[in-house]
């Protein structure tokens, strides 16, 4: 079963799961660069809403964005903790990373849609792609925006 606190989607966007409100809000984004040098993907940048008051976000983001709601002084210590945590994953076997990701899969069994279709999220494959059952087939999505229906 997924970890009840923080979940990941296949595009690597961590979500805060407010289960009592049945509300998933995007807290951060991890942007990858496909085809970088000798790897399939490389992390290009990470953005985390650490000290952003929701009221200061544009209207179109207030329903979907989340924030840690911390003081601005918490940004640097959080960055240090994040870098330490990421350092702990470097060099780990792919299987370990995928298993940890799967335990936190926030989209598992959720109805989803994207620009080219819709279906039900069925997990993460061995390449880190989102598996979506469309009724006709199971697709492995590796790029683009996927929304919970």
N, C-alpha and C. Protein backbone atom coordinates (compact mmCIF):
# COMPACT_ATOMS: atom_id res chain seq x y z
N UNK A 1 0.84 -1.20 0.00
CA UNK A 1 0.00 0.00 0.00
C UNK A 1 0.87 1.25 0.00
N UNK A 2 0.38 2.34 -0.58
CA UNK A 2 1.16 3.56 -0.61
C UNK A 2 1.39 4.12 0.79
N UNK A 3 2.52 4.81 0.97
CA UNK A 3 2.83 5.53 2.19
C UNK A 3 1.76 6.61 2.37
N UNK A 4 1.14 6.75 3.56
CA UNK A 4 0.01 7.67 3.71
C UNK A 4 0.38 9.15 3.74
N UNK A 5 1.63 9.52 3.85
CA UNK A 5 1.97 10.92 3.99
C UNK A 5 2.30 11.62 2.71
N UNK A 6 3.33 11.17 2.05
CA UNK A 6 3.79 11.80 0.82
C UNK A 6 3.77 10.77 -0.28
N UNK A 7 3.30 11.18 -1.44
CA UNK A 7 3.25 10.27 -2.57
C UNK A 7 4.01 10.84 -3.73
N UNK A 8 4.35 9.99 -4.66
CA UNK A 8 5.02 10.41 -5.88
C UNK A 8 4.17 10.01 -7.06
N UNK A 9 4.18 10.83 -8.07
CA UNK A 9 3.55 10.44 -9.31
C UNK A 9 4.66 10.08 -10.28
N UNK A 10 4.32 9.42 -11.35
CA UNK A 10 5.35 8.92 -12.26
C UNK A 10 6.18 10.01 -12.90
N UNK A 11 5.67 11.23 -12.93
CA UNK A 11 6.48 12.32 -13.44
C UNK A 11 7.34 12.90 -12.34
N UNK A 12 7.32 12.23 -11.19
CA UNK A 12 8.13 12.58 -10.03
C UNK A 12 7.68 13.86 -9.35
N UNK A 13 6.43 14.16 -9.37
CA UNK A 13 5.90 15.30 -8.62
C UNK A 13 5.42 14.81 -7.26
N UNK A 14 6.14 15.15 -6.18
CA UNK A 14 5.63 14.75 -4.87
C UNK A 14 4.32 15.46 -4.57
N UNK A 15 3.43 14.76 -3.91
CA UNK A 15 2.13 15.33 -3.55
C UNK A 15 1.92 15.19 -2.06
N UNK A 16 1.29 16.17 -1.48
CA UNK A 16 0.84 16.03 -0.10
C UNK A 16 -0.57 15.49 -0.16
N UNK A 17 -0.83 14.43 0.55
CA UNK A 17 -2.12 13.76 0.50
C UNK A 17 -2.92 14.16 1.74
N UNK A 18 -3.88 15.04 1.59
CA UNK A 18 -4.78 15.42 2.68
C UNK A 18 -5.94 14.43 2.63
N UNK A 19 -5.73 13.23 3.17
CA UNK A 19 -6.71 12.16 3.02
C UNK A 19 -8.07 12.52 3.60
N UNK A 20 -8.11 13.28 4.68
CA UNK A 20 -9.40 13.61 5.26
C UNK A 20 -10.21 14.51 4.34
N UNK A 21 -9.51 15.29 3.52
CA UNK A 21 -10.20 16.18 2.59
C UNK A 21 -10.28 15.58 1.19
N UNK A 22 -9.70 14.39 0.99
CA UNK A 22 -9.65 13.75 -0.32
C UNK A 22 -9.09 14.73 -1.36
N UNK A 23 -7.98 15.34 -1.02
CA UNK A 23 -7.44 16.42 -1.84
C UNK A 23 -5.94 16.21 -2.01
N UNK A 24 -5.50 16.07 -3.26
CA UNK A 24 -4.07 15.97 -3.53
C UNK A 24 -3.60 17.32 -4.07
N UNK A 25 -2.55 17.86 -3.49
CA UNK A 25 -2.02 19.14 -3.93
C UNK A 25 -0.55 18.97 -4.29
N UNK A 26 -0.14 19.60 -5.37
CA UNK A 26 1.25 19.53 -5.81
C UNK A 26 2.11 20.39 -4.90
N UNK A 27 3.10 19.78 -4.31
CA UNK A 27 4.00 20.46 -3.39
C UNK A 27 5.32 20.79 -4.06
N UNK A 28 5.71 19.98 -5.03
CA UNK A 28 7.02 20.15 -5.64
C UNK A 28 7.01 19.57 -7.04
N UNK A 29 8.03 19.90 -7.79
CA UNK A 29 8.20 19.35 -9.13
C UNK A 29 9.65 18.97 -9.35
N UNK A 30 9.85 17.87 -10.00
CA UNK A 30 11.18 17.40 -10.36
C UNK A 30 11.19 17.34 -11.88
N UNK A 31 12.03 18.15 -12.49
CA UNK A 31 12.09 18.22 -13.95
C UNK A 31 13.27 17.40 -14.43
N UNK A 32 13.01 16.48 -15.36
CA UNK A 32 14.08 15.65 -15.90
C UNK A 32 14.40 16.07 -17.32
N UNK A 33 15.59 15.72 -17.73
CA UNK A 33 16.06 16.04 -19.07
C UNK A 33 16.26 14.72 -19.80
N UNK A 34 15.34 14.35 -20.70
CA UNK A 34 15.48 13.07 -21.41
C UNK A 34 16.71 13.05 -22.29
N UNK A 35 17.39 11.92 -22.29
CA UNK A 35 18.51 11.72 -23.20
C UNK A 35 19.77 12.49 -22.86
N UNK A 36 19.98 12.81 -21.60
CA UNK A 36 21.19 13.54 -21.21
C UNK A 36 22.40 12.60 -21.24
N UNK A 37 23.37 12.88 -22.10
CA UNK A 37 24.62 12.13 -22.21
C UNK A 37 24.40 10.62 -22.25
N UNK A 38 24.94 9.90 -21.26
CA UNK A 38 24.90 8.44 -21.31
C UNK A 38 23.79 7.84 -20.44
N UNK A 39 22.82 8.65 -20.02
CA UNK A 39 21.72 8.13 -19.22
C UNK A 39 20.40 8.44 -19.91
N UNK A 40 19.37 7.71 -19.55
CA UNK A 40 18.05 7.94 -20.13
C UNK A 40 17.47 9.28 -19.69
N UNK A 41 17.67 9.60 -18.42
CA UNK A 41 17.14 10.85 -17.87
C UNK A 41 18.08 11.36 -16.78
N UNK A 42 18.11 12.67 -16.63
CA UNK A 42 18.89 13.28 -15.56
C UNK A 42 18.02 14.36 -14.92
N UNK A 43 18.14 14.54 -13.62
CA UNK A 43 17.38 15.58 -12.94
C UNK A 43 17.95 16.93 -13.35
N UNK A 44 17.09 17.78 -13.84
CA UNK A 44 17.50 19.10 -14.28
C UNK A 44 17.31 20.13 -13.17
N UNK A 45 16.16 20.05 -12.48
CA UNK A 45 15.91 20.97 -11.36
C UNK A 45 14.78 20.43 -10.50
N UNK A 46 14.76 20.91 -9.26
CA UNK A 46 13.72 20.54 -8.31
C UNK A 46 13.14 21.85 -7.77
N UNK A 47 11.84 21.94 -7.74
CA UNK A 47 11.19 23.10 -7.15
C UNK A 47 10.27 22.66 -6.04
N UNK A 48 10.40 23.28 -4.87
CA UNK A 48 9.57 22.93 -3.72
C UNK A 48 8.96 24.21 -3.16
N UNK A 49 7.67 24.18 -2.93
CA UNK A 49 6.99 25.31 -2.31
C UNK A 49 7.18 25.22 -0.80
N UNK A 50 8.24 25.86 -0.31
CA UNK A 50 8.60 25.77 1.11
C UNK A 50 7.90 26.85 1.93
N UNK A 51 8.03 28.09 1.49
CA UNK A 51 7.53 29.22 2.28
C UNK A 51 6.61 30.10 1.45
N UNK A 52 5.84 29.50 0.58
CA UNK A 52 4.92 30.24 -0.29
C UNK A 52 3.52 30.21 0.32
N UNK A 53 3.00 31.35 0.75
CA UNK A 53 1.61 31.36 1.23
C UNK A 53 0.66 31.10 0.06
N UNK A 54 -0.30 30.21 0.24
CA UNK A 54 -1.23 29.88 -0.84
C UNK A 54 -1.95 31.12 -1.36
N UNK A 55 -2.22 32.07 -0.49
CA UNK A 55 -2.93 33.29 -0.90
C UNK A 55 -2.13 34.10 -1.92
N UNK A 56 -0.81 33.90 -1.96
CA UNK A 56 0.03 34.66 -2.89
C UNK A 56 0.18 33.98 -4.25
N UNK A 57 -0.36 32.79 -4.38
CA UNK A 57 -0.28 32.08 -5.66
C UNK A 57 -1.32 32.64 -6.62
N UNK A 58 -1.07 32.52 -7.92
CA UNK A 58 -2.09 32.92 -8.90
C UNK A 58 -3.37 32.12 -8.68
N UNK A 59 -4.50 32.72 -8.99
CA UNK A 59 -5.80 32.08 -8.77
C UNK A 59 -5.86 30.66 -9.34
N UNK A 60 -5.32 30.45 -10.55
CA UNK A 60 -5.43 29.15 -11.20
C UNK A 60 -4.63 28.05 -10.50
N UNK A 61 -3.73 28.41 -9.57
CA UNK A 61 -2.93 27.41 -8.87
C UNK A 61 -3.42 27.13 -7.45
N UNK A 62 -4.26 27.97 -6.92
CA UNK A 62 -4.66 27.83 -5.51
C UNK A 62 -5.38 26.53 -5.21
N UNK A 63 -6.08 25.98 -6.19
CA UNK A 63 -6.82 24.73 -5.96
C UNK A 63 -5.92 23.49 -6.03
N UNK A 64 -4.80 23.60 -6.72
CA UNK A 64 -3.97 22.41 -6.95
C UNK A 64 -2.60 22.48 -6.30
N UNK A 65 -2.12 23.68 -5.96
CA UNK A 65 -0.78 23.81 -5.39
C UNK A 65 -0.82 23.62 -3.88
N UNK A 66 0.28 23.14 -3.36
CA UNK A 66 0.44 22.99 -1.92
C UNK A 66 1.70 23.71 -1.48
N UNK A 67 1.87 23.85 -0.20
CA UNK A 67 3.06 24.49 0.34
C UNK A 67 3.37 23.86 1.69
N UNK A 68 4.63 23.87 2.05
CA UNK A 68 4.98 23.42 3.39
C UNK A 68 4.59 24.47 4.42
N UNK A 69 4.42 25.71 3.97
CA UNK A 69 3.98 26.78 4.86
C UNK A 69 4.99 27.17 5.91
N UNK A 70 6.28 26.95 5.62
CA UNK A 70 7.32 27.26 6.59
C UNK A 70 7.78 28.71 6.44
N UNK A 71 8.53 29.16 7.41
CA UNK A 71 9.12 30.49 7.38
C UNK A 71 10.25 30.50 6.36
N UNK A 72 10.52 31.65 5.79
CA UNK A 72 11.59 31.80 4.79
C UNK A 72 12.92 31.29 5.35
N UNK A 73 13.14 31.44 6.64
CA UNK A 73 14.39 30.96 7.25
C UNK A 73 14.55 29.45 7.21
N UNK A 74 13.50 28.73 6.90
CA UNK A 74 13.56 27.27 6.84
C UNK A 74 14.04 26.76 5.49
N UNK A 75 14.17 27.64 4.50
CA UNK A 75 14.53 27.21 3.15
C UNK A 75 15.90 26.55 3.11
N UNK A 76 16.92 27.22 3.63
CA UNK A 76 18.28 26.66 3.58
C UNK A 76 18.42 25.35 4.35
N UNK A 77 17.92 25.25 5.59
CA UNK A 77 18.00 23.96 6.29
C UNK A 77 17.27 22.84 5.54
N UNK A 78 16.14 23.16 4.93
CA UNK A 78 15.40 22.16 4.16
C UNK A 78 16.21 21.72 2.95
N UNK A 79 16.85 22.66 2.29
CA UNK A 79 17.69 22.33 1.14
C UNK A 79 18.82 21.38 1.56
N UNK A 80 19.45 21.65 2.68
CA UNK A 80 20.51 20.76 3.18
C UNK A 80 19.98 19.36 3.43
N UNK A 81 18.79 19.25 4.06
CA UNK A 81 18.20 17.93 4.32
C UNK A 81 17.85 17.22 3.02
N UNK A 82 17.33 17.96 2.04
CA UNK A 82 16.99 17.37 0.75
C UNK A 82 18.23 16.84 0.05
N UNK A 83 19.29 17.63 0.02
CA UNK A 83 20.52 17.19 -0.64
C UNK A 83 21.12 15.98 0.05
N UNK A 84 21.07 15.94 1.38
CA UNK A 84 21.55 14.76 2.11
C UNK A 84 20.73 13.52 1.76
N UNK A 85 19.40 13.70 1.69
CA UNK A 85 18.53 12.57 1.35
C UNK A 85 18.79 12.09 -0.07
N UNK A 86 18.92 13.02 -1.01
CA UNK A 86 19.21 12.63 -2.39
C UNK A 86 20.55 11.92 -2.50
N UNK A 87 21.53 12.41 -1.75
CA UNK A 87 22.85 11.79 -1.76
C UNK A 87 22.78 10.33 -1.30
N UNK A 88 21.86 10.07 -0.37
CA UNK A 88 21.68 8.70 0.11
C UNK A 88 21.13 7.75 -0.95
N UNK A 89 20.46 8.31 -1.97
CA UNK A 89 19.90 7.47 -3.04
C UNK A 89 20.86 7.29 -4.21
N UNK A 90 21.85 8.14 -4.32
CA UNK A 90 22.81 8.01 -5.43
C UNK A 90 23.55 6.69 -5.33
N UNK A 91 23.64 5.99 -6.39
CA UNK A 91 24.35 4.71 -6.40
C UNK A 91 23.54 3.53 -5.90
N UNK A 92 22.32 3.78 -5.40
CA UNK A 92 21.49 2.66 -4.96
C UNK A 92 21.02 1.89 -6.19
N UNK A 93 20.80 0.62 -6.07
CA UNK A 93 20.31 -0.16 -7.20
C UNK A 93 18.96 0.37 -7.69
N UNK A 94 18.75 0.32 -9.00
CA UNK A 94 17.50 0.79 -9.59
C UNK A 94 16.30 0.11 -8.96
N UNK A 95 16.41 -1.15 -8.65
CA UNK A 95 15.32 -1.91 -8.06
C UNK A 95 14.89 -1.29 -6.72
N UNK A 96 15.86 -0.88 -5.89
CA UNK A 96 15.54 -0.24 -4.61
C UNK A 96 14.80 1.08 -4.80
N UNK A 97 15.27 1.87 -5.77
CA UNK A 97 14.64 3.16 -6.05
C UNK A 97 13.21 2.95 -6.53
N UNK A 98 13.02 2.03 -7.48
CA UNK A 98 11.68 1.76 -8.00
C UNK A 98 10.73 1.24 -6.92
N UNK A 99 11.24 0.36 -6.05
CA UNK A 99 10.39 -0.17 -4.98
C UNK A 99 9.97 0.93 -4.01
N UNK A 100 10.88 1.84 -3.67
CA UNK A 100 10.54 2.96 -2.79
C UNK A 100 9.52 3.87 -3.47
N UNK A 101 9.72 4.11 -4.77
CA UNK A 101 8.80 4.95 -5.54
C UNK A 101 7.41 4.32 -5.58
N UNK A 102 7.38 3.01 -5.81
CA UNK A 102 6.09 2.30 -5.90
C UNK A 102 5.33 2.36 -4.58
N UNK A 103 6.04 2.30 -3.45
CA UNK A 103 5.37 2.37 -2.14
C UNK A 103 4.71 3.73 -1.93
N UNK A 104 5.17 4.74 -2.65
CA UNK A 104 4.64 6.10 -2.49
C UNK A 104 3.85 6.56 -3.71
N UNK A 105 3.46 5.64 -4.56
CA UNK A 105 2.75 5.98 -5.79
C UNK A 105 1.38 6.55 -5.47
N UNK A 106 1.23 7.86 -5.65
CA UNK A 106 -0.01 8.55 -5.31
C UNK A 106 -1.10 8.37 -6.37
N UNK A 107 -0.74 7.83 -7.52
CA UNK A 107 -1.73 7.68 -8.59
C UNK A 107 -2.28 6.27 -8.74
N UNK A 108 -1.75 5.31 -8.00
CA UNK A 108 -2.15 3.93 -8.18
C UNK A 108 -3.68 3.79 -8.11
N UNK A 109 -4.25 3.18 -9.13
CA UNK A 109 -5.69 2.92 -9.26
C UNK A 109 -6.55 4.18 -9.40
N UNK A 110 -5.92 5.32 -9.67
CA UNK A 110 -6.69 6.57 -9.86
C UNK A 110 -7.07 6.72 -11.33
N UNK A 111 -8.26 7.24 -11.57
CA UNK A 111 -8.66 7.60 -12.93
C UNK A 111 -7.86 8.83 -13.32
N UNK A 112 -7.20 8.77 -14.48
CA UNK A 112 -6.35 9.86 -14.94
C UNK A 112 -6.67 10.21 -16.39
N UNK A 113 -6.28 11.42 -16.78
CA UNK A 113 -6.39 11.81 -18.18
C UNK A 113 -5.20 12.67 -18.56
N UNK A 114 -4.92 12.69 -19.85
CA UNK A 114 -3.82 13.48 -20.41
C UNK A 114 -4.24 13.93 -21.79
N UNK A 115 -3.38 14.65 -22.47
CA UNK A 115 -3.75 15.26 -23.76
C UNK A 115 -4.25 14.23 -24.77
N UNK A 116 -3.71 13.01 -24.75
CA UNK A 116 -4.04 12.01 -25.76
C UNK A 116 -4.97 10.90 -25.30
N UNK A 117 -5.48 10.98 -24.06
CA UNK A 117 -6.36 9.91 -23.64
C UNK A 117 -6.68 9.92 -22.17
N UNK A 118 -7.26 8.81 -21.72
CA UNK A 118 -7.59 8.66 -20.30
C UNK A 118 -7.57 7.18 -19.96
N UNK A 119 -7.55 6.90 -18.67
CA UNK A 119 -7.52 5.53 -18.21
C UNK A 119 -7.35 5.47 -16.71
N UNK A 120 -6.85 4.33 -16.23
CA UNK A 120 -6.63 4.12 -14.80
C UNK A 120 -5.15 3.83 -14.58
N UNK A 121 -4.54 4.59 -13.67
CA UNK A 121 -3.12 4.39 -13.36
C UNK A 121 -2.93 3.04 -12.70
N UNK A 122 -1.97 2.27 -13.20
CA UNK A 122 -1.73 0.92 -12.69
C UNK A 122 -0.33 0.70 -12.15
N UNK A 123 0.39 1.78 -11.86
CA UNK A 123 1.70 1.61 -11.24
C UNK A 123 2.83 2.15 -12.09
N UNK A 124 4.02 1.74 -11.72
CA UNK A 124 5.27 2.20 -12.34
C UNK A 124 5.99 0.98 -12.91
N UNK A 125 6.43 1.08 -14.18
CA UNK A 125 7.14 -0.06 -14.77
C UNK A 125 8.62 -0.03 -14.40
N UNK A 126 9.37 -0.98 -14.92
CA UNK A 126 10.80 -1.12 -14.59
C UNK A 126 11.65 0.04 -15.10
N UNK A 127 11.11 0.85 -16.01
CA UNK A 127 11.84 2.01 -16.54
C UNK A 127 11.40 3.30 -15.86
N UNK A 128 10.49 3.21 -14.87
CA UNK A 128 10.01 4.39 -14.17
C UNK A 128 8.87 5.10 -14.87
N UNK A 129 8.24 4.45 -15.83
CA UNK A 129 7.13 5.06 -16.58
C UNK A 129 5.81 4.73 -15.90
N UNK A 130 4.85 5.66 -16.04
CA UNK A 130 3.52 5.45 -15.50
C UNK A 130 2.76 4.48 -16.39
N UNK A 131 2.23 3.42 -15.80
CA UNK A 131 1.41 2.46 -16.53
C UNK A 131 -0.05 2.89 -16.41
N UNK A 132 -0.73 3.00 -17.55
CA UNK A 132 -2.14 3.41 -17.57
C UNK A 132 -2.92 2.39 -18.39
N UNK A 133 -3.95 1.84 -17.77
CA UNK A 133 -4.85 0.91 -18.44
C UNK A 133 -5.96 1.73 -19.11
N UNK A 134 -6.08 1.58 -20.42
CA UNK A 134 -7.06 2.39 -21.16
C UNK A 134 -8.32 1.62 -21.52
N UNK A 135 -8.35 0.36 -21.26
CA UNK A 135 -9.48 -0.48 -21.67
C UNK A 135 -9.05 -1.34 -22.85
N UNK A 136 -8.38 -0.74 -23.83
CA UNK A 136 -7.87 -1.47 -24.99
C UNK A 136 -6.47 -2.02 -24.76
N UNK A 137 -5.70 -1.30 -23.94
CA UNK A 137 -4.29 -1.66 -23.75
C UNK A 137 -3.77 -1.04 -22.47
N UNK A 138 -2.58 -1.43 -22.09
CA UNK A 138 -1.87 -0.76 -21.00
C UNK A 138 -0.73 0.00 -21.62
N UNK A 139 -0.75 1.33 -21.42
CA UNK A 139 0.28 2.20 -21.98
C UNK A 139 1.32 2.53 -20.93
N UNK A 140 2.55 2.77 -21.37
CA UNK A 140 3.63 3.21 -20.49
C UNK A 140 3.95 4.65 -20.88
N UNK A 141 3.54 5.60 -20.04
CA UNK A 141 3.74 7.02 -20.32
C UNK A 141 5.05 7.50 -19.70
N UNK A 142 5.88 8.15 -20.49
CA UNK A 142 7.18 8.59 -20.00
C UNK A 142 7.34 10.11 -19.96
N UNK A 143 6.39 10.86 -20.51
CA UNK A 143 6.53 12.31 -20.51
C UNK A 143 5.14 12.95 -20.61
N UNK A 144 5.05 14.19 -20.19
CA UNK A 144 3.81 14.94 -20.32
C UNK A 144 3.08 15.09 -19.00
N UNK A 145 2.00 15.83 -19.03
CA UNK A 145 1.18 16.06 -17.85
C UNK A 145 0.06 15.04 -17.78
N UNK A 146 -0.13 14.48 -16.59
CA UNK A 146 -1.23 13.57 -16.33
C UNK A 146 -2.02 14.17 -15.18
N UNK A 147 -3.34 14.19 -15.33
CA UNK A 147 -4.21 14.78 -14.31
C UNK A 147 -5.14 13.73 -13.73
N UNK A 148 -5.44 13.86 -12.44
CA UNK A 148 -6.42 12.99 -11.81
C UNK A 148 -7.80 13.42 -12.27
N UNK A 149 -8.59 12.47 -12.76
CA UNK A 149 -9.92 12.78 -13.29
C UNK A 149 -10.93 12.99 -12.18
